[in-house]
Amino acid sequence: MTADVCEACLDRWMRGFQIAPEMT
């Protein structure tokens, strides 16, 4: 499976995560 996600959609998607992704 492959997919490309723009920054705005990625931000919306990740706000729904129960555990936030690690950011450095």
mmCIF file of all heavy atoms, coordinates in Angstrom:
data_MODEL
# 
_entry.id   MODEL 
# 
loop_
_atom_site.group_PDB 
_atom_site.id 
_atom_site.type_symbol 
_atom_site.label_atom_id 
_atom_site.label_alt_id 
_atom_site.label_comp_id 
_atom_site.label_asym_id 
_atom_site.label_entity_id 
_atom_site.label_seq_id 
_atom_site.pdbx_PDB_ins_code 
_atom_site.Cartn_x 
_atom_site.Cartn_y 
_atom_site.Cartn_z 
_atom_site.occupancy 
_atom_site.B_iso_or_equiv 
_atom_site.pdbx_formal_charge 
_atom_site.auth_seq_id 
_atom_site.auth_comp_id 
_atom_site.auth_asym_id 
_atom_site.auth_atom_id 
_atom_site.pdbx_PDB_model_num 
ATOM 1   N N   . MET A 1 1  ? 0.851  -1.194 0.000  1.00 0.00 ? 1  MET A N   1 
ATOM 2   C CA  . MET A 1 1  ? 0.000  0.000  0.000  1.00 0.00 ? 1  MET A CA  1 
ATOM 3   C C   . MET A 1 1  ? 0.875  1.228  0.000  1.00 0.00 ? 1  MET A C   1 
ATOM 4   O O   . MET A 1 1  ? 1.871  1.277  0.717  1.00 0.00 ? 1  MET A O   1 
ATOM 5   C CB  . MET A 1 1  ? -0.799 0.046  1.306  1.00 0.00 ? 1  MET A CB  1 
ATOM 6   C CG  . MET A 1 1  ? -2.175 -0.358 1.254  1.00 0.00 ? 1  MET A CG  1 
ATOM 7   S SD  . MET A 1 1  ? -2.811 -0.126 2.951  1.00 0.00 ? 1  MET A SD  1 
ATOM 8   C CE  . MET A 1 1  ? -4.268 -1.074 2.740  1.00 0.00 ? 1  MET A CE  1 
ATOM 9   N N   . THR A 1 2  ? 0.521  2.228  -0.806 1.00 0.00 ? 2  THR A N   1 
ATOM 10  C CA  . THR A 1 2  ? 1.214  3.512  -0.760 1.00 0.00 ? 2  THR A CA  1 
ATOM 11  C C   . THR A 1 2  ? 0.170  4.620  -0.749 1.00 0.00 ? 2  THR A C   1 
ATOM 12  O O   . THR A 1 2  ? -0.927 4.464  -1.281 1.00 0.00 ? 2  THR A O   1 
ATOM 13  C CB  . THR A 1 2  ? 2.148  3.726  -1.970 1.00 0.00 ? 2  THR A CB  1 
ATOM 14  O OG1 . THR A 1 2  ? 1.378  3.658  -3.165 1.00 0.00 ? 2  THR A OG1 1 
ATOM 15  C CG2 . THR A 1 2  ? 3.256  2.697  -2.005 1.00 0.00 ? 2  THR A CG2 1 
ATOM 16  N N   . ALA A 1 3  ? 0.528  5.738  -0.133 1.00 0.00 ? 3  ALA A N   1 
ATOM 17  C CA  . ALA A 1 3  ? -0.353 6.900  -0.094 1.00 0.00 ? 3  ALA A CA  1 
ATOM 18  C C   . ALA A 1 3  ? 0.506  8.136  0.154  1.00 0.00 ? 3  ALA A C   1 
ATOM 19  O O   . ALA A 1 3  ? 1.577  8.057  0.766  1.00 0.00 ? 3  ALA A O   1 
ATOM 20  C CB  . ALA A 1 3  ? -1.408 6.766  1.001  1.00 0.00 ? 3  ALA A CB  1 
ATOM 21  N N   . ASP A 1 4  ? 0.021  9.273  -0.330 1.00 0.00 ? 4  ASP A N   1 
ATOM 22  C CA  . ASP A 1 4  ? 0.657  10.562 -0.083 1.00 0.00 ? 4  ASP A CA  1 
ATOM 23  C C   . ASP A 1 4  ? -0.379 11.461 0.578  1.00 0.00 ? 4  ASP A C   1 
ATOM 24  O O   . ASP A 1 4  ? -1.528 11.504 0.137  1.00 0.00 ? 4  ASP A O   1 
ATOM 25  C CB  . ASP A 1 4  ? 1.142  11.178 -1.401 1.00 0.00 ? 4  ASP A CB  1 
ATOM 26  C CG  . ASP A 1 4  ? 2.213  10.316 -2.047 1.00 0.00 ? 4  ASP A CG  1 
ATOM 27  O OD1 . ASP A 1 4  ? 3.183  9.975  -1.346 1.00 0.00 ? 4  ASP A OD1 1 
ATOM 28  O OD2 . ASP A 1 4  ? 2.085  9.980  -3.231 1.00 0.00 ? 4  ASP A OD2 1 
ATOM 29  N N   . VAL A 1 5  ? 0.027  12.156 1.629  1.00 0.00 ? 5  VAL A N   1 
ATOM 30  C CA  . VAL A 1 5  ? -0.902 12.972 2.413  1.00 0.00 ? 5  VAL A CA  1 
ATOM 31  C C   . VAL A 1 5  ? -0.314 14.365 2.581  1.00 0.00 ? 5  VAL A C   1 
ATOM 32  O O   . VAL A 1 5  ? 0.830  14.515 3.029  1.00 0.00 ? 5  VAL A O   1 
ATOM 33  C CB  . VAL A 1 5  ? -1.154 12.325 3.803  1.00 0.00 ? 5  VAL A CB  1 
ATOM 34  C CG1 . VAL A 1 5  ? -2.128 13.138 4.622  1.00 0.00 ? 5  VAL A CG1 1 
ATOM 35  C CG2 . VAL A 1 5  ? -1.648 10.886 3.647  1.00 0.00 ? 5  VAL A CG2 1 
ATOM 36  N N   . CYS A 1 6  ? -1.087 15.398 2.217  1.00 0.00 ? 6  CYS A N   1 
ATOM 37  C CA  . CYS A 1 6  ? -0.611 16.784 2.366  1.00 0.00 ? 6  CYS A CA  1 
ATOM 38  C C   . CYS A 1 6  ? -0.483 17.128 3.853  1.00 0.00 ? 6  CYS A C   1 
ATOM 39  O O   . CYS A 1 6  ? -1.017 16.426 4.716  1.00 0.00 ? 6  CYS A O   1 
ATOM 40  C CB  . CYS A 1 6  ? -1.539 17.761 1.638  1.00 0.00 ? 6  CYS A CB  1 
ATOM 41  S SG  . CYS A 1 6  ? -3.141 18.040 2.422  1.00 0.00 ? 6  CYS A SG  1 
ATOM 42  N N   . GLU A 1 7  ? 0.225  18.200 4.140  1.00 0.00 ? 7  GLU A N   1 
ATOM 43  C CA  . GLU A 1 7  ? 0.493  18.572 5.530  1.00 0.00 ? 7  GLU A CA  1 
ATOM 44  C C   . GLU A 1 7  ? -0.780 18.875 6.309  1.00 0.00 ? 7  GLU A C   1 
ATOM 45  O O   . GLU A 1 7  ? -0.921 18.472 7.468  1.00 0.00 ? 7  GLU A O   1 
ATOM 46  C CB  . GLU A 1 7  ? 1.438  19.776 5.563  1.00 0.00 ? 7  GLU A CB  1 
ATOM 47  C CG  . GLU A 1 7  ? 1.981  20.070 6.932  1.00 0.00 ? 7  GLU A CG  1 
ATOM 48  C CD  . GLU A 1 7  ? 3.075  21.123 6.920  1.00 0.00 ? 7  GLU A CD  1 
ATOM 49  O OE1 . GLU A 1 7  ? 3.425  21.641 5.842  1.00 0.00 ? 7  GLU A OE1 1 
ATOM 50  O OE2 . GLU A 1 7  ? 3.579  21.426 8.013  1.00 0.00 ? 7  GLU A OE2 1 
ATOM 51  N N   . ALA A 1 8  ? -1.742 19.543 5.685  1.00 0.00 ? 8  ALA A N   1 
ATOM 52  C CA  . ALA A 1 8  ? -2.999 19.873 6.381  1.00 0.00 ? 8  ALA A CA  1 
ATOM 53  C C   . ALA A 1 8  ? -3.775 18.610 6.751  1.00 0.00 ? 8  ALA A C   1 
ATOM 54  O O   . ALA A 1 8  ? -4.269 18.484 7.878  1.00 0.00 ? 8  ALA A O   1 
ATOM 55  C CB  . ALA A 1 8  ? -3.862 20.795 5.511  1.00 0.00 ? 8  ALA A CB  1 
ATOM 56  N N   . CYS A 1 9  ? -3.862 17.669 5.831  1.00 0.00 ? 9  CYS A N   1 
ATOM 57  C CA  . CYS A 1 9  ? -4.573 16.418 6.117  1.00 0.00 ? 9  CYS A CA  1 
ATOM 58  C C   . CYS A 1 9  ? -3.832 15.593 7.159  1.00 0.00 ? 9  CYS A C   1 
ATOM 59  O O   . CYS A 1 9  ? -4.444 14.966 8.030  1.00 0.00 ? 9  CYS A O   1 
ATOM 60  C CB  . CYS A 1 9  ? -4.780 15.603 4.839  1.00 0.00 ? 9  CYS A CB  1 
ATOM 61  S SG  . CYS A 1 9  ? -6.037 16.293 3.737  1.00 0.00 ? 9  CYS A SG  1 
ATOM 62  N N   . LEU A 1 10 ? -2.506 15.599 7.098  1.00 0.00 ? 10 LEU A N   1 
ATOM 63  C CA  . LEU A 1 10 ? -1.713 14.876 8.085  1.00 0.00 ? 10 LEU A CA  1 
ATOM 64  C C   . LEU A 1 10 ? -1.967 15.439 9.484  1.00 0.00 ? 10 LEU A C   1 
ATOM 65  O O   . LEU A 1 10 ? -2.164 14.681 10.437 1.00 0.00 ? 10 LEU A O   1 
ATOM 66  C CB  . LEU A 1 10 ? -0.223 14.956 7.739  1.00 0.00 ? 10 LEU A CB  1 
ATOM 67  C CG  . LEU A 1 10 ? 0.705  14.219 8.694  1.00 0.00 ? 10 LEU A CG  1 
ATOM 68  C CD1 . LEU A 1 10 ? 0.493  12.716 8.614  1.00 0.00 ? 10 LEU A CD1 1 
ATOM 69  C CD2 . LEU A 1 10 ? 2.149  14.567 8.410  1.00 0.00 ? 10 LEU A CD2 1 
ATOM 70  N N   . ASP A 1 11 ? -1.982 16.771 9.608  1.00 0.00 ? 11 ASP A N   1 
ATOM 71  C CA  . ASP A 1 11 ? -2.255 17.395 10.908 1.00 0.00 ? 11 ASP A CA  1 
ATOM 72  C C   . ASP A 1 11 ? -3.629 16.990 11.435 1.00 0.00 ? 11 ASP A C   1 
ATOM 73  O O   . ASP A 1 11 ? -3.780 16.641 12.609 1.00 0.00 ? 11 ASP A O   1 
ATOM 74  C CB  . ASP A 1 11 ? -2.154 18.916 10.810 1.00 0.00 ? 11 ASP A CB  1 
ATOM 75  C CG  . ASP A 1 11 ? -0.726 19.404 10.615 1.00 0.00 ? 11 ASP A CG  1 
ATOM 76  O OD1 . ASP A 1 11 ? 0.223  18.630 10.867 1.00 0.00 ? 11 ASP A OD1 1 
ATOM 77  O OD2 . ASP A 1 11 ? -0.561 20.562 10.199 1.00 0.00 ? 11 ASP A OD2 1 
ATOM 78  N N   . ARG A 1 12 ? -4.642 17.017 10.568 1.00 0.00 ? 12 ARG A N   1 
ATOM 79  C CA  . ARG A 1 12 ? -6.004 16.617 10.971 1.00 0.00 ? 12 ARG A CA  1 
ATOM 80  C C   . ARG A 1 12 ? -6.040 15.155 11.405 1.00 0.00 ? 12 ARG A C   1 
ATOM 81  O O   . ARG A 1 12 ? -6.635 14.807 12.420 1.00 0.00 ? 12 ARG A O   1 
ATOM 82  C CB  . ARG A 1 12 ? -6.977 16.814 9.806  1.00 0.00 ? 12 ARG A CB  1 
ATOM 83  C CG  . ARG A 1 12 ? -7.786 18.067 9.870  1.00 0.00 ? 12 ARG A CG  1 
ATOM 84  C CD  . ARG A 1 12 ? -8.936 18.104 8.882  1.00 0.00 ? 12 ARG A CD  1 
ATOM 85  N NE  . ARG A 1 12 ? -8.591 17.755 7.512  1.00 0.00 ? 12 ARG A NE  1 
ATOM 86  C CZ  . ARG A 1 12 ? -8.031 18.581 6.622  1.00 0.00 ? 12 ARG A CZ  1 
ATOM 87  N NH1 . ARG A 1 12 ? -7.733 19.821 6.972  1.00 0.00 ? 12 ARG A NH1 1 
ATOM 88  N NH2 . ARG A 1 12 ? -7.763 18.177 5.406  1.00 0.00 ? 12 ARG A NH2 1 
ATOM 89  N N   . TRP A 1 13 ? -5.382 14.302 10.620 1.00 0.00 ? 13 TRP A N   1 
ATOM 90  C CA  . TRP A 1 13 ? -5.355 12.875 10.908 1.00 0.00 ? 13 TRP A CA  1 
ATOM 91  C C   . TRP A 1 13 ? -4.693 12.611 12.264 1.00 0.00 ? 13 TRP A C   1 
ATOM 92  O O   . TRP A 1 13 ? -5.223 11.876 13.101 1.00 0.00 ? 13 TRP A O   1 
ATOM 93  C CB  . TRP A 1 13 ? -4.615 12.178 9.778  1.00 0.00 ? 13 TRP A CB  1 
ATOM 94  C CG  . TRP A 1 13 ? -4.490 10.691 9.867  1.00 0.00 ? 13 TRP A CG  1 
ATOM 95  C CD1 . TRP A 1 13 ? -5.415 9.802  10.347 1.00 0.00 ? 13 TRP A CD1 1 
ATOM 96  C CD2 . TRP A 1 13 ? -3.373 9.903  9.454  1.00 0.00 ? 13 TRP A CD2 1 
ATOM 97  N NE1 . TRP A 1 13 ? -4.945 8.521  10.241 1.00 0.00 ? 13 TRP A NE1 1 
ATOM 98  C CE2 . TRP A 1 13 ? -3.688 8.554  9.692  1.00 0.00 ? 13 TRP A CE2 1 
ATOM 99  C CE3 . TRP A 1 13 ? -2.147 10.218 8.881  1.00 0.00 ? 13 TRP A CE3 1 
ATOM 100 C CZ2 . TRP A 1 13 ? -2.823 7.512  9.389  1.00 0.00 ? 13 TRP A CZ2 1 
ATOM 101 C CZ3 . TRP A 1 13 ? -1.288 9.177  8.574  1.00 0.00 ? 13 TRP A CZ3 1 
ATOM 102 C CH2 . TRP A 1 13 ? -1.622 7.852  8.830  1.00 0.00 ? 13 TRP A CH2 1 
ATOM 103 N N   . MET A 1 14 ? -3.547 13.224 12.506 1.00 0.00 ? 14 MET A N   1 
ATOM 104 C CA  . MET A 1 14 ? -2.796 12.957 13.729 1.00 0.00 ? 14 MET A CA  1 
ATOM 105 C C   . MET A 1 14 ? -3.459 13.520 14.980 1.00 0.00 ? 14 MET A C   1 
ATOM 106 O O   . MET A 1 14 ? -3.250 13.007 16.069 1.00 0.00 ? 14 MET A O   1 
ATOM 107 C CB  . MET A 1 14 ? -1.362 13.450 13.585 1.00 0.00 ? 14 MET A CB  1 
ATOM 108 C CG  . MET A 1 14 ? -0.588 12.607 12.612 1.00 0.00 ? 14 MET A CG  1 
ATOM 109 S SD  . MET A 1 14 ? 1.154  12.889 12.736 1.00 0.00 ? 14 MET A SD  1 
ATOM 110 C CE  . MET A 1 14 ? 1.744  11.647 11.597 1.00 0.00 ? 14 MET A CE  1 
ATOM 111 N N   . ARG A 1 15 ? -4.253 14.578 14.829 1.00 0.00 ? 15 ARG A N   1 
ATOM 112 C CA  . ARG A 1 15 ? -5.000 15.098 15.985 1.00 0.00 ? 15 ARG A CA  1 
ATOM 113 C C   . ARG A 1 15 ? -5.967 14.051 16.526 1.00 0.00 ? 15 ARG A C   1 
ATOM 114 O O   . ARG A 1 15 ? -6.346 14.098 17.697 1.00 0.00 ? 15 ARG A O   1 
ATOM 115 C CB  . ARG A 1 15 ? -5.748 16.374 15.624 1.00 0.00 ? 15 ARG A CB  1 
ATOM 116 C CG  . ARG A 1 15 ? -4.882 17.608 15.645 1.00 0.00 ? 15 ARG A CG  1 
ATOM 117 C CD  . ARG A 1 15 ? -5.704 18.898 15.647 1.00 0.00 ? 15 ARG A CD  1 
ATOM 118 N NE  . ARG A 1 15 ? -6.483 19.076 14.435 1.00 0.00 ? 15 ARG A NE  1 
ATOM 119 C CZ  . ARG A 1 15 ? -6.054 19.673 13.317 1.00 0.00 ? 15 ARG A CZ  1 
ATOM 120 N NH1 . ARG A 1 15 ? -4.817 20.143 13.268 1.00 0.00 ? 15 ARG A NH1 1 
ATOM 121 N NH2 . ARG A 1 15 ? -6.836 19.803 12.273 1.00 0.00 ? 15 ARG A NH2 1 
ATOM 122 N N   . GLY A 1 16 ? -6.373 13.099 15.697 1.00 0.00 ? 16 GLY A N   1 
ATOM 123 C CA  . GLY A 1 16 ? -7.283 12.046 16.126 1.00 0.00 ? 16 GLY A CA  1 
ATOM 124 C C   . GLY A 1 16 ? -6.597 10.860 16.790 1.00 0.00 ? 16 GLY A C   1 
ATOM 125 O O   . GLY A 1 16 ? -7.265 9.963  17.292 1.00 0.00 ? 16 GLY A O   1 
ATOM 126 N N   . PHE A 1 17 ? -5.264 10.833 16.799 1.00 0.00 ? 17 PHE A N   1 
ATOM 127 C CA  . PHE A 1 17 ? -4.533 9.726  17.421 1.00 0.00 ? 17 PHE A CA  1 
ATOM 128 C C   . PHE A 1 17 ? -4.721 9.759  18.936 1.00 0.00 ? 17 PHE A C   1 
ATOM 129 O O   . PHE A 1 17 ? -4.687 10.831 19.556 1.00 0.00 ? 17 PHE A O   1 
ATOM 130 C CB  . PHE A 1 17 ? -3.035 9.831  17.123 1.00 0.00 ? 17 PHE A CB  1 
ATOM 131 C CG  . PHE A 1 17 ? -2.629 9.460  15.720 1.00 0.00 ? 17 PHE A CG  1 
ATOM 132 C CD1 . PHE A 1 17 ? -3.539 9.337  14.696 1.00 0.00 ? 17 PHE A CD1 1 
ATOM 133 C CD2 . PHE A 1 17 ? -1.296 9.251  15.434 1.00 0.00 ? 17 PHE A CD2 1 
ATOM 134 C CE1 . PHE A 1 17 ? -3.144 8.989  13.401 1.00 0.00 ? 17 PHE A CE1 1 
ATOM 135 C CE2 . PHE A 1 17 ? -0.880 8.908  14.153 1.00 0.00 ? 17 PHE A CE2 1 
ATOM 136 C CZ  . PHE A 1 17 ? -1.810 8.778  13.140 1.00 0.00 ? 17 PHE A CZ  1 
ATOM 137 N N   . GLN A 1 18 ? -4.889 8.617  19.548 1.00 0.00 ? 18 GLN A N   1 
ATOM 138 C CA  . GLN A 1 18 ? -4.965 8.529  21.005 1.00 0.00 ? 18 GLN A CA  1 
ATOM 139 C C   . GLN A 1 18 ? -3.602 8.783  21.644 1.00 0.00 ? 18 GLN A C   1 
ATOM 140 O O   . GLN A 1 18 ? -3.514 9.339  22.729 1.00 0.00 ? 18 GLN A O   1 
ATOM 141 C CB  . GLN A 1 18 ? -5.483 7.143  21.431 1.00 0.00 ? 18 GLN A CB  1 
ATOM 142 C CG  . GLN A 1 18 ? -6.929 6.908  21.065 1.00 0.00 ? 18 GLN A CG  1 
ATOM 143 C CD  . GLN A 1 18 ? -7.856 7.871  21.778 1.00 0.00 ? 18 GLN A CD  1 
ATOM 144 O OE1 . GLN A 1 18 ? -7.766 8.071  22.989 1.00 0.00 ? 18 GLN A OE1 1 
ATOM 145 N NE2 . GLN A 1 18 ? -8.743 8.498  21.026 1.00 0.00 ? 18 GLN A NE2 1 
ATOM 146 N N   . ILE A 1 19 ? -2.542 8.350  20.980 1.00 0.00 ? 19 ILE A N   1 
ATOM 147 C CA  . ILE A 1 19 ? -1.169 8.593  21.434 1.00 0.00 ? 19 ILE A CA  1 
ATOM 148 C C   . ILE A 1 19 ? -0.481 9.394  20.337 1.00 0.00 ? 19 ILE A C   1 
ATOM 149 O O   . ILE A 1 19 ? -0.366 8.928  19.199 1.00 0.00 ? 19 ILE A O   1 
ATOM 150 C CB  . ILE A 1 19 ? -0.419 7.274  21.694 1.00 0.00 ? 19 ILE A CB  1 
ATOM 151 C CG1 . ILE A 1 19 ? -1.146 6.468  22.768 1.00 0.00 ? 19 ILE A CG1 1 
ATOM 152 C CG2 . ILE A 1 19 ? 1.036  7.545  22.071 1.00 0.00 ? 19 ILE A CG2 1 
ATOM 153 C CD1 . ILE A 1 19 ? -0.623 5.067  22.951 1.00 0.00 ? 19 ILE A CD1 1 
ATOM 154 N N   . ALA A 1 20 ? -0.062 10.587 20.663 1.00 0.00 ? 20 ALA A N   1 
ATOM 155 C CA  . ALA A 1 20 ? 0.547  11.481 19.669 1.00 0.00 ? 20 ALA A CA  1 
ATOM 156 C C   . ALA A 1 20 ? 1.869  10.912 19.169 1.00 0.00 ? 20 ALA A C   1 
ATOM 157 O O   . ALA A 1 20 ? 2.622  10.310 19.933 1.00 0.00 ? 20 ALA A O   1 
ATOM 158 C CB  . ALA A 1 20 ? 0.781  12.862 20.276 1.00 0.00 ? 20 ALA A CB  1 
ATOM 159 N N   . PRO A 1 21 ? 2.154  11.104 17.888 1.00 0.00 ? 21 PRO A N   1 
ATOM 160 C CA  . PRO A 1 21 ? 3.451  10.669 17.357 1.00 0.00 ? 21 PRO A CA  1 
ATOM 161 C C   . PRO A 1 21 ? 4.591  11.432 18.024 1.00 0.00 ? 21 PRO A C   1 
ATOM 162 O O   . PRO A 1 21 ? 4.408  12.575 18.453 1.00 0.00 ? 21 PRO A O   1 
ATOM 163 C CB  . PRO A 1 21 ? 3.380  11.039 15.872 1.00 0.00 ? 21 PRO A CB  1 
ATOM 164 C CG  . PRO A 1 21 ? 1.953  11.308 15.586 1.00 0.00 ? 21 PRO A CG  1 
ATOM 165 C CD  . PRO A 1 21 ? 1.319  11.707 16.870 1.00 0.00 ? 21 PRO A CD  1 
ATOM 166 N N   . GLU A 1 22 ? 5.742  10.799 18.115 1.00 0.00 ? 22 GLU A N   1 
ATOM 167 C CA  . GLU A 1 22 ? 6.914  11.482 18.669 1.00 0.00 ? 22 GLU A CA  1 
ATOM 168 C C   . GLU A 1 22 ? 7.414  12.493 17.654 1.00 0.00 ? 22 GLU A C   1 
ATOM 169 O O   . GLU A 1 22 ? 7.475  12.212 16.460 1.00 0.00 ? 22 GLU A O   1 
ATOM 170 C CB  . GLU A 1 22 ? 8.019  10.478 18.970 1.00 0.00 ? 22 GLU A CB  1 
ATOM 171 C CG  . GLU A 1 22 ? 7.738  9.634  20.176 1.00 0.00 ? 22 GLU A CG  1 
ATOM 172 C CD  . GLU A 1 22 ? 8.932  8.762  20.544 1.00 0.00 ? 22 GLU A CD  1 
ATOM 173 O OE1 . GLU A 1 22 ? 10.096 9.194  20.349 1.00 0.00 ? 22 GLU A OE1 1 
ATOM 174 O OE2 . GLU A 1 22 ? 8.688  7.653  21.020 1.00 0.00 ? 22 GLU A OE2 1 
ATOM 175 N N   . MET A 1 23 ? 7.760  13.668 18.117 1.00 0.00 ? 23 MET A N   1 
ATOM 176 C CA  . MET A 1 23 ? 8.279  14.728 17.252 1.00 0.00 ? 23 MET A CA  1 
ATOM 177 C C   . MET A 1 23 ? 9.639  15.138 17.786 1.00 0.00 ? 23 MET A C   1 
ATOM 178 O O   . MET A 1 23 ? 9.812  15.311 18.991 1.00 0.00 ? 23 MET A O   1 
ATOM 179 C CB  . MET A 1 23 ? 7.340  15.939 17.270 1.00 0.00 ? 23 MET A CB  1 
ATOM 180 C CG  . MET A 1 23 ? 5.930  15.658 16.788 1.00 0.00 ? 23 MET A CG  1 
ATOM 181 S SD  . MET A 1 23 ? 5.816  15.457 15.024 1.00 0.00 ? 23 MET A SD  1 
ATOM 182 C CE  . MET A 1 23 ? 5.849  17.152 14.507 1.00 0.00 ? 23 MET A CE  1 
ATOM 183 N N   . THR A 1 24 ? 10.590 15.281 16.882 1.00 0.00 ? 24 THR A N   1 
ATOM 184 C CA  . THR A 1 24 ? 11.898 15.827 17.233 1.00 0.00 ? 24 THR A CA  1 
ATOM 185 C C   . THR A 1 24 ? 12.187 16.954 16.261 1.00 0.00 ? 24 THR A C   1 
ATOM 186 O O   . THR A 1 24 ? 11.648 16.985 15.150 1.00 0.00 ? 24 THR A O   1 
ATOM 187 C CB  . THR A 1 24 ? 13.009 14.756 17.144 1.00 0.00 ? 24 THR A CB  1 
ATOM 188 O OG1 . THR A 1 24 ? 13.023 14.216 15.830 1.00 0.00 ? 24 THR A OG1 1 
ATOM 189 C CG2 . THR A 1 24 ? 12.789 13.647 18.151 1.00 0.00 ? 24 THR A CG2 1 
# 
